[in-house]
Amino acid sequence: MAVPKRQMSRSNTRTRRAAWMAKARVPDLVPITVDGERKLVPRKLVRHYQRGL
């Protein structure tokens, strides 16, 4: 793991954390029907659910 050689300022630390939080969002869920059952699935995983993986 990388270790910083100098102390990071408080404002830089908070900016970095805020930038990470902006990326960490709940994925948009899409309703699909699998085996007659309606499920909410992340858009990226729709094909996998339909194939039964």
PDB file of N, CA and C in Angstrom:
ATOM      1  N   MET A   1       0.845  -1.182   0.000  1.00  0.00           N
ATOM      2  CA  MET A   1       0.000   0.000   0.000  1.00  0.00           C
ATOM      3  C   MET A   1       0.886   1.239   0.000  1.00  0.00           C
ATOM      4  N   ALA A   2       0.489   2.242  -0.760  1.00  0.00           N
ATOM      5  CA  ALA A   2       1.270   3.472  -0.837  1.00  0.00           C
ATOM      6  C   ALA A   2       1.119   4.281   0.447  1.00  0.00           C
ATOM      7  N   VAL A   3       2.239   4.805   0.896  1.00  0.00           N
ATOM      8  CA  VAL A   3       2.238   5.612   2.121  1.00  0.00           C
ATOM      9  C   VAL A   3       2.701   7.007   1.750  1.00  0.00           C
ATOM     10  N   PRO A   4       1.948   8.053   2.106  1.00  0.00           N
ATOM     11  CA  PRO A   4       2.371   9.410   1.763  1.00  0.00           C
ATOM     12  C   PRO A   4       3.638   9.803   2.516  1.00  0.00           C
ATOM     13  N   LYS A   5       4.520  10.542   1.855  1.00  0.00           N
ATOM     14  CA  LYS A   5       5.780  10.952   2.479  1.00  0.00           C
ATOM     15  C   LYS A   5       5.612  12.212   3.306  1.00  0.00           C
ATOM     16  N   ARG A   6       4.552  12.931   3.065  1.00  0.00           N
ATOM     17  CA  ARG A   6       4.292  14.163   3.820  1.00  0.00           C
ATOM     18  C   ARG A   6       2.864  14.175   4.323  1.00  0.00           C
ATOM     19  N   GLN A   7       2.648  14.979   5.320  1.00  0.00           N
ATOM     20  CA  GLN A   7       1.304  15.081   5.875  1.00  0.00           C
ATOM     21  C   GLN A   7       0.399  15.824   4.898  1.00  0.00           C
ATOM     22  N   MET A   8      -0.794  15.306   4.692  1.00  0.00           N
ATOM     23  CA  MET A   8      -1.744  15.938   3.787  1.00  0.00           C
ATOM     24  C   MET A   8      -2.586  16.942   4.567  1.00  0.00           C
ATOM     25  N   SER A   9      -2.865  18.058   3.950  1.00  0.00           N
ATOM     26  CA  SER A   9      -3.657  19.085   4.635  1.00  0.00           C
ATOM     27  C   SER A   9      -5.087  18.605   4.855  1.00  0.00           C
ATOM     28  N   ARG A  10      -5.745  19.198   5.801  1.00  0.00           N
ATOM     29  CA  ARG A  10      -7.115  18.804   6.124  1.00  0.00           C
ATOM     30  C   ARG A  10      -8.048  19.050   4.940  1.00  0.00           C
ATOM     31  N   SER A  11      -7.867  20.179   4.253  1.00  0.00           N
ATOM     32  CA  SER A  11      -8.764  20.467   3.126  1.00  0.00           C
ATOM     33  C   SER A  11      -8.548  19.472   1.984  1.00  0.00           C
ATOM     34  N   ASN A  12      -7.291  19.080   1.739  1.00  0.00           N
ATOM     35  CA  ASN A  12      -7.041  18.083   0.687  1.00  0.00           C
ATOM     36  C   ASN A  12      -7.631  16.735   1.060  1.00  0.00           C
ATOM     37  N   THR A  13      -7.527  16.374   2.326  1.00  0.00           N
ATOM     38  CA  THR A  13      -8.095  15.106   2.774  1.00  0.00           C
ATOM     39  C   THR A  13      -9.603  15.097   2.568  1.00  0.00           C
ATOM     40  N   ARG A  14     -10.247  16.163   2.969  1.00  0.00           N
ATOM     41  CA  ARG A  14     -11.713  16.216   2.855  1.00  0.00           C
ATOM     42  C   ARG A  14     -12.156  16.279   1.409  1.00  0.00           C
ATOM     43  N   THR A  15     -11.389  16.954   0.567  1.00  0.00           N
ATOM     44  CA  THR A  15     -11.722  17.000  -0.854  1.00  0.00           C
ATOM     45  C   THR A  15     -11.622  15.608  -1.463  1.00  0.00           C
ATOM     46  N   ARG A  16     -10.567  14.878  -1.099  1.00  0.00           N
ATOM     47  CA  ARG A  16     -10.388  13.521  -1.615  1.00  0.00           C
ATOM     48  C   ARG A  16     -11.537  12.624  -1.178  1.00  0.00           C
ATOM     49  N   ARG A  17     -11.918  12.716   0.088  1.00  0.00           N
ATOM     50  CA  ARG A  17     -13.021  11.889   0.585  1.00  0.00           C
ATOM     51  C   ARG A  17     -14.330  12.256  -0.098  1.00  0.00           C
ATOM     52  N   ALA A  18     -14.549  13.542  -0.312  1.00  0.00           N
ATOM     53  CA  ALA A  18     -15.785  13.981  -0.971  1.00  0.00           C
ATOM     54  C   ALA A  18     -15.831  13.484  -2.411  1.00  0.00           C
ATOM     55  N   ALA A  19     -14.684  13.464  -3.086  1.00  0.00           N
ATOM     56  CA  ALA A  19     -14.639  12.989  -4.465  1.00  0.00           C
ATOM     57  C   ALA A  19     -14.967  11.495  -4.517  1.00  0.00           C
ATOM     58  N   TRP A  20     -14.492  10.742  -3.533  1.00  0.00           N
ATOM     59  CA  TRP A  20     -14.774   9.309  -3.488  1.00  0.00           C
ATOM     60  C   TRP A  20     -16.263   9.082  -3.244  1.00  0.00           C
ATOM     61  N   MET A  21     -16.854   9.867  -2.367  1.00  0.00           N
ATOM     62  CA  MET A  21     -18.278   9.698  -2.064  1.00  0.00           C
ATOM     63  C   MET A  21     -19.138  10.010  -3.280  1.00  0.00           C
ATOM     64  N   ALA A  22     -18.695  10.912  -4.121  1.00  0.00           N
ATOM     65  CA  ALA A  22     -19.464  11.239  -5.321  1.00  0.00           C
ATOM     66  C   ALA A  22     -19.489  10.048  -6.272  1.00  0.00           C
ATOM     67  N   LYS A  23     -18.396   9.263  -6.285  1.00  0.00           N
ATOM     68  CA  LYS A  23     -18.338   8.103  -7.164  1.00  0.00           C
ATOM     69  C   LYS A  23     -19.137   6.928  -6.617  1.00  0.00           C
ATOM     70  N   ALA A  24     -19.202   6.812  -5.314  1.00  0.00           N
ATOM     71  CA  ALA A  24     -19.851   5.660  -4.687  1.00  0.00           C
ATOM     72  C   ALA A  24     -21.354   5.901  -4.608  1.00  0.00           C
ATOM     73  N   ARG A  25     -22.034   5.603  -5.685  1.00  0.00           N
ATOM     74  CA  ARG A  25     -23.486   5.811  -5.745  1.00  0.00           C
ATOM     75  C   ARG A  25     -24.195   4.475  -5.882  1.00  0.00           C
ATOM     76  N   VAL A  26     -25.439   4.474  -5.503  1.00  0.00           N
ATOM     77  CA  VAL A  26     -26.259   3.280  -5.663  1.00  0.00           C
ATOM     78  C   VAL A  26     -26.556   3.120  -7.152  1.00  0.00           C
ATOM     79  N   PRO A  27     -26.335   1.938  -7.711  1.00  0.00           N
ATOM     80  CA  PRO A  27     -26.589   1.750  -9.138  1.00  0.00           C
ATOM     81  C   PRO A  27     -28.085   1.841  -9.447  1.00  0.00           C
ATOM     82  N   ASP A  28     -28.392   2.323 -10.642  1.00  0.00           N
ATOM     83  CA  ASP A  28     -29.805   2.409 -11.023  1.00  0.00           C
ATOM     84  C   ASP A  28     -30.345   1.001 -11.240  1.00  0.00           C
ATOM     85  N   LEU A  29     -31.489   0.730 -10.625  1.00  0.00           N
ATOM     86  CA  LEU A  29     -32.088  -0.598 -10.664  1.00  0.00           C
ATOM     87  C   LEU A  29     -33.138  -0.674 -11.763  1.00  0.00           C
ATOM     88  N   VAL A  30     -33.151  -1.795 -12.469  1.00  0.00           N
ATOM     89  CA  VAL A  30     -34.065  -2.008 -13.586  1.00  0.00           C
ATOM     90  C   VAL A  30     -34.977  -3.180 -13.232  1.00  0.00           C
ATOM     91  N   PRO A  31     -36.285  -3.019 -13.402  1.00  0.00           N
ATOM     92  CA  PRO A  31     -37.178  -4.154 -13.129  1.00  0.00           C
ATOM     93  C   PRO A  31     -37.118  -5.172 -14.270  1.00  0.00           C
ATOM     94  N   ILE A  32     -36.892  -6.451 -13.935  1.00  0.00           N
ATOM     95  CA  ILE A  32     -36.922  -7.533 -14.923  1.00  0.00           C
ATOM     96  C   ILE A  32     -37.747  -8.679 -14.345  1.00  0.00           C
ATOM     97  N   THR A  33     -38.188  -9.568 -15.217  1.00  0.00           N
ATOM     98  CA  THR A  33     -38.954 -10.731 -14.784  1.00  0.00           C
ATOM     99  C   THR A  33     -38.138 -11.988 -15.048  1.00  0.00           C
ATOM    100  N   VAL A  34     -37.867 -12.732 -13.980  1.00  0.00           N
ATOM    101  CA  VAL A  34     -37.116 -13.988 -14.084  1.00  0.00           C
ATOM    102  C   VAL A  34     -37.947 -15.081 -13.432  1.00  0.00           C
ATOM    103  N   ASP A  35     -38.267 -16.126 -14.204  1.00  0.00           N
ATOM    104  CA  ASP A  35     -39.083 -17.245 -13.722  1.00  0.00           C
ATOM    105  C   ASP A  35     -40.416 -16.764 -13.157  1.00  0.00           C
ATOM    106  N   GLY A  36     -41.022 -15.774 -13.795  1.00  0.00           N
ATOM    107  CA  GLY A  36     -42.311 -15.253 -13.365  1.00  0.00           C
ATOM    108  C   GLY A  36     -42.242 -14.373 -12.127  1.00  0.00           C
ATOM    109  N   GLU A  37     -41.054 -14.050 -11.696  1.00  0.00           N
ATOM    110  CA  GLU A  37     -40.878 -13.231 -10.494  1.00  0.00           C
ATOM    111  C   GLU A  37     -40.219 -11.914 -10.889  1.00  0.00           C
ATOM    112  N   ARG A  38     -40.795 -10.810 -10.430  1.00  0.00           N
ATOM    113  CA  ARG A  38     -40.274  -9.487 -10.771  1.00  0.00           C
ATOM    114  C   ARG A  38     -39.172  -9.115  -9.794  1.00  0.00           C
ATOM    115  N   LYS A  39     -38.018  -8.727 -10.346  1.00  0.00           N
ATOM    116  CA  LYS A  39     -36.875  -8.362  -9.506  1.00  0.00           C
ATOM    117  C   LYS A  39     -36.309  -7.030  -9.958  1.00  0.00           C
ATOM    118  N   LEU A  40     -35.710  -6.310  -9.021  1.00  0.00           N
ATOM    119  CA  LEU A  40     -34.978  -5.091  -9.342  1.00  0.00           C
ATOM    120  C   LEU A  40     -33.497  -5.446  -9.360  1.00  0.00           C
ATOM    121  N   VAL A  41     -32.861  -5.202 -10.504  1.00  0.00           N
ATOM    122  CA  VAL A  41     -31.485  -5.635 -10.730  1.00  0.00           C
ATOM    123  C   VAL A  41     -30.663  -4.448 -11.234  1.00  0.00           C
ATOM    124  N   PRO A  42     -29.398  -4.329 -10.816  1.00  0.00           N
ATOM    125  CA  PRO A  42     -28.544  -3.278 -11.399  1.00  0.00           C
ATOM    126  C   PRO A  42     -28.445  -3.458 -12.912  1.00  0.00           C
ATOM    127  N   ARG A  43     -28.410  -2.351 -13.640  1.00  0.00           N
ATOM    128  CA  ARG A  43     -28.436  -2.380 -15.103  1.00  0.00           C
ATOM    129  C   ARG A  43     -27.310  -3.247 -15.688  1.00  0.00           C
ATOM    130  N   LYS A  44     -26.128  -3.231 -15.073  1.00  0.00           N
ATOM    131  CA  LYS A  44     -25.003  -4.006 -15.588  1.00  0.00           C
ATOM    132  C   LYS A  44     -25.235  -5.511 -15.488  1.00  0.00           C
ATOM    133  N   LEU A  45     -26.082  -5.953 -14.556  1.00  0.00           N
ATOM    134  CA  LEU A  45     -26.239  -7.384 -14.310  1.00  0.00           C
ATOM    135  C   LEU A  45     -27.503  -7.982 -14.918  1.00  0.00           C
ATOM    136  N   VAL A  46     -28.230  -7.227 -15.737  1.00  0.00           N
ATOM    137  CA  VAL A  46     -29.498  -7.708 -16.292  1.00  0.00           C
ATOM    138  C   VAL A  46     -29.285  -8.977 -17.105  1.00  0.00           C
ATOM    139  N   ARG A  47     -28.307  -8.994 -17.996  1.00  0.00           N
ATOM    140  CA  ARG A  47     -28.080 -10.173 -18.846  1.00  0.00           C
ATOM    141  C   ARG A  47     -27.709 -11.397 -18.025  1.00  0.00           C
ATOM    142  N   HIS A  48     -26.922 -11.195 -16.978  1.00  0.00           N
ATOM    143  CA  HIS A  48     -26.506 -12.319 -16.135  1.00  0.00           C
ATOM    144  C   HIS A  48     -27.705 -12.933 -15.419  1.00  0.00           C
ATOM    145  N   TYR A  49     -28.597 -12.084 -14.935  1.00  0.00           N
ATOM    146  CA  TYR A  49     -29.793 -12.605 -14.271  1.00  0.00           C
ATOM    147  C   TYR A  49     -30.683 -13.342 -15.251  1.00  0.00           C
ATOM    148  N   GLN A  50     -30.813 -12.841 -16.471  1.00  0.00           N
ATOM    149  CA  GLN A  50     -31.657 -13.487 -17.463  1.00  0.00           C
ATOM    150  C   GLN A  50     -31.099 -14.845 -17.882  1.00  0.00           C
ATOM    151  N   ARG A  51     -29.777 -14.961 -17.882  1.00  0.00           N
ATOM    152  CA  ARG A  51     -29.149 -16.249 -18.222  1.00  0.00           C
ATOM    153  C   ARG A  51     -29.170 -17.225 -17.063  1.00  0.00           C
ATOM    154  N   GLY A  52     -29.396 -16.715 -15.872  1.00  0.00           N
ATOM    155  CA  GLY A  52     -29.435 -17.585 -14.691  1.00  0.00           C
ATOM    156  C   GLY A  52     -28.079 -17.790 -14.056  1.00  0.00           C
ATOM    157  N   LEU A  53     -27.153 -16.868 -14.302  1.00  0.00           N
ATOM    158  CA  LEU A  53     -25.808 -16.992 -13.725  1.00  0.00           C
ATOM    159  C   LEU A  53     -25.754 -16.441 -12.324  1.00  0.00           C
TER     160      LEU A  53
END
